[in-house]
Structure formats: structure tokens, C-alpha cells
Amino acid sequence: VQLQASGGGLVQAGGSLRLSCRASGMITSVFNPSDMGWYRQAPGKQRELVAVIGPGGITNYLDSVKGRFTISRDNARKTVSLQMNSLQPDDTAVYYCNSKRGLSTLWGQGTLVTVSS
């Protein structure tokens, strides 16, 4: 079982990117009740939660991305996505997909997002 993230890249300030994460090998009965989230870690900083979506679709966001980022999930495809608009240089980081269910946590490999000014 692994989380496969994709969609990172280089974008100018004000631009958009869409990150996707596929839970490969995870059965539906595990994916569906899991909290799925995106974290990020900038150079020299701690990893922080960017957005999370629960099994029922309830979402929570880091204050600095509210109104700019949107997290969504597709249970049929076992994917979670992060639409990032109005990107700023401070959004530059490695973004990690995460799943949590009970005491079980799984991390993806990370995808680099670089926003140039």
C-alpha cells in the first residue's frame, strides 16, 4: 500500500497547480473511512497541515490557504486532490499526501511545489 502523489512543479506567483494522490493498493473499506490530508514542509521549517478532508467530506484548512486551496476526494478512484490557486512564494514547499485511520498513518513520497515571484 502506498500513496502516490503527483502534480507539483514550478509556477509563477498568482498561478495555479493541482496536486493528486492515489492510494495504490488500499482497499475501499480502508480508504473510505480515512482522513485524507495534504501537508507541506518548506526548507528549514516544520511540516504543517495544509488541508484535510474527512470521510463525510468535512474539510479543514490552514488559515493562510483558506479561500485559495480546495481539497477534494474521490472514493471510487481512491484519490485525494488539492487545487491550489493564487499561489504565492510562501507556498513553496514539498507537499505530502497523508492518510489517517485510527492509529494508522501513511505518507506519500512528496511532490515539490515552487512558486517564483
Protein backbone atom coordinates (compact mmCIF):
# COMPACT_ATOMS: atom_id res chain seq x y z
CA VAL A 1 0.00 0.00 0.00
CA GLN A 2 1.36 3.40 -0.91
CA LEU A 3 0.26 6.95 -1.55
CA GLN A 4 1.41 8.20 -4.95
CA ALA A 5 1.46 11.98 -5.23
CA SER A 6 1.79 13.95 -8.44
CA GLY A 7 1.22 17.40 -9.87
CA GLY A 8 3.96 19.51 -8.36
CA GLY A 9 6.08 21.87 -10.40
CA LEU A 10 7.23 25.42 -10.96
CA VAL A 11 4.68 28.20 -11.27
CA GLN A 12 4.72 31.98 -11.12
CA ALA A 13 3.08 33.85 -8.28
CA GLY A 14 -0.64 34.09 -8.87
CA GLY A 15 -0.73 30.84 -10.80
CA SER A 16 -2.40 27.53 -10.06
CA LEU A 17 -1.45 23.90 -9.61
CA ARG A 18 -3.43 20.78 -8.85
CA LEU A 19 -1.93 18.01 -6.75
CA SER A 20 -3.31 14.49 -6.84
CA CYS A 21 -2.68 11.50 -4.63
CA ARG A 22 -3.73 7.93 -5.34
CA ALA A 23 -3.94 5.31 -2.64
CA SER A 24 -2.42 2.42 -4.53
CA GLY A 25 -3.22 -1.00 -3.13
CA MET A 26 -5.53 0.36 -0.44
CA ILE A 27 -8.88 -1.37 -0.29
CA THR A 28 -12.02 0.71 -0.36
CA SER A 29 -13.08 -0.26 3.16
CA VAL A 30 -9.84 1.30 4.42
CA PHE A 31 -9.74 4.37 2.17
CA ASN A 32 -13.33 5.48 2.64
CA PRO A 33 -13.24 5.95 6.42
CA SER A 34 -9.78 7.54 6.37
CA ASP A 35 -9.00 11.18 6.89
CA MET A 36 -7.03 12.28 3.82
CA GLY A 37 -4.77 15.28 4.03
CA TRP A 38 -2.03 17.33 2.47
CA TYR A 39 0.93 18.55 4.48
CA ARG A 40 3.86 20.67 3.38
CA GLN A 41 7.38 21.29 4.53
CA ALA A 42 9.37 24.31 3.44
CA PRO A 43 13.18 24.40 3.76
CA GLY A 44 14.18 24.94 7.38
CA LYS A 45 10.60 24.70 8.64
CA GLN A 46 8.49 22.07 10.30
CA ARG A 47 5.95 20.06 8.38
CA GLU A 48 2.49 21.62 8.64
CA LEU A 49 -1.03 20.52 7.82
CA VAL A 50 -2.37 22.35 4.77
CA ALA A 51 -5.78 20.73 4.33
CA VAL A 52 -7.68 17.65 5.43
CA ILE A 53 -10.91 16.04 4.32
CA GLY A 54 -12.80 13.55 6.43
CA PRO A 55 -14.83 10.54 5.29
CA GLY A 56 -18.01 12.62 5.18
CA GLY A 57 -16.40 15.41 3.20
CA ILE A 58 -15.83 17.84 6.06
CA THR A 59 -12.73 19.92 5.35
CA ASN A 60 -10.29 21.94 7.37
CA TYR A 61 -7.60 24.30 6.10
CA LEU A 62 -4.51 26.11 7.25
CA ASP A 63 -5.53 29.73 7.75
CA SER A 64 -3.07 31.05 5.18
CA VAL A 65 -4.55 28.93 2.36
CA LYS A 66 -8.25 29.41 3.09
CA GLY A 67 -10.05 30.75 0.04
CA ARG A 68 -7.15 29.77 -2.24
CA PHE A 69 -6.84 25.97 -1.84
CA THR A 70 -9.55 23.35 -2.16
CA ILE A 71 -9.21 19.73 -1.09
CA SER A 72 -11.46 17.03 -2.53
CA ARG A 73 -11.66 13.26 -2.58
CA ASP A 74 -12.97 10.64 -4.96
CA ASN A 75 -13.69 7.47 -3.03
CA ALA A 76 -14.40 5.45 -6.16
CA ARG A 77 -10.92 6.22 -7.50
CA LYS A 78 -9.31 6.33 -4.05
CA THR A 79 -7.77 9.68 -4.76
CA VAL A 80 -7.45 12.99 -2.95
CA SER A 81 -6.69 16.24 -4.74
CA LEU A 82 -5.58 19.71 -3.77
CA GLN A 83 -6.46 22.56 -6.10
CA MET A 84 -4.14 25.47 -5.37
CA ASN A 85 -4.97 28.90 -6.76
CA SER A 86 -3.38 32.32 -6.30
CA LEU A 87 -0.12 30.67 -5.34
CA GLN A 88 2.45 32.76 -3.51
CA PRO A 89 6.19 32.30 -2.95
CA ASP A 90 5.44 31.35 0.68
CA ASP A 91 3.60 28.29 -0.66
CA THR A 92 6.90 26.88 -1.91
CA ALA A 93 7.44 23.53 -0.20
CA VAL A 94 7.41 19.80 -0.60
CA TYR A 95 3.79 18.67 -0.35
CA TYR A 96 2.98 15.32 1.19
CA CYS A 97 -0.18 13.28 0.93
CA ASN A 98 -1.33 11.61 4.16
CA SER A 99 -3.97 9.16 5.26
CA LYS A 100 -5.07 8.52 8.85
CA ARG A 101 -7.39 5.88 10.17
CA GLY A 102 -7.36 5.19 13.88
CA LEU A 103 -3.72 4.74 14.89
CA SER A 104 -2.63 4.01 11.33
CA THR A 105 -0.87 6.75 9.34
CA LEU A 106 0.52 6.54 5.83
CA TRP A 107 2.66 9.12 4.00
CA GLY A 108 3.26 9.65 0.32
CA GLN A 109 6.66 10.43 -1.16
CA GLY A 110 6.18 14.18 -1.53
CA THR A 111 5.95 16.43 -4.54
CA LEU A 112 7.80 19.73 -4.88
CA VAL A 113 5.90 22.95 -5.48
CA THR A 114 7.99 26.02 -6.32
CA VAL A 115 6.37 29.42 -6.69
CA SER A 116 8.51 32.14 -8.24
CA SER A 117 7.95 35.83 -7.55
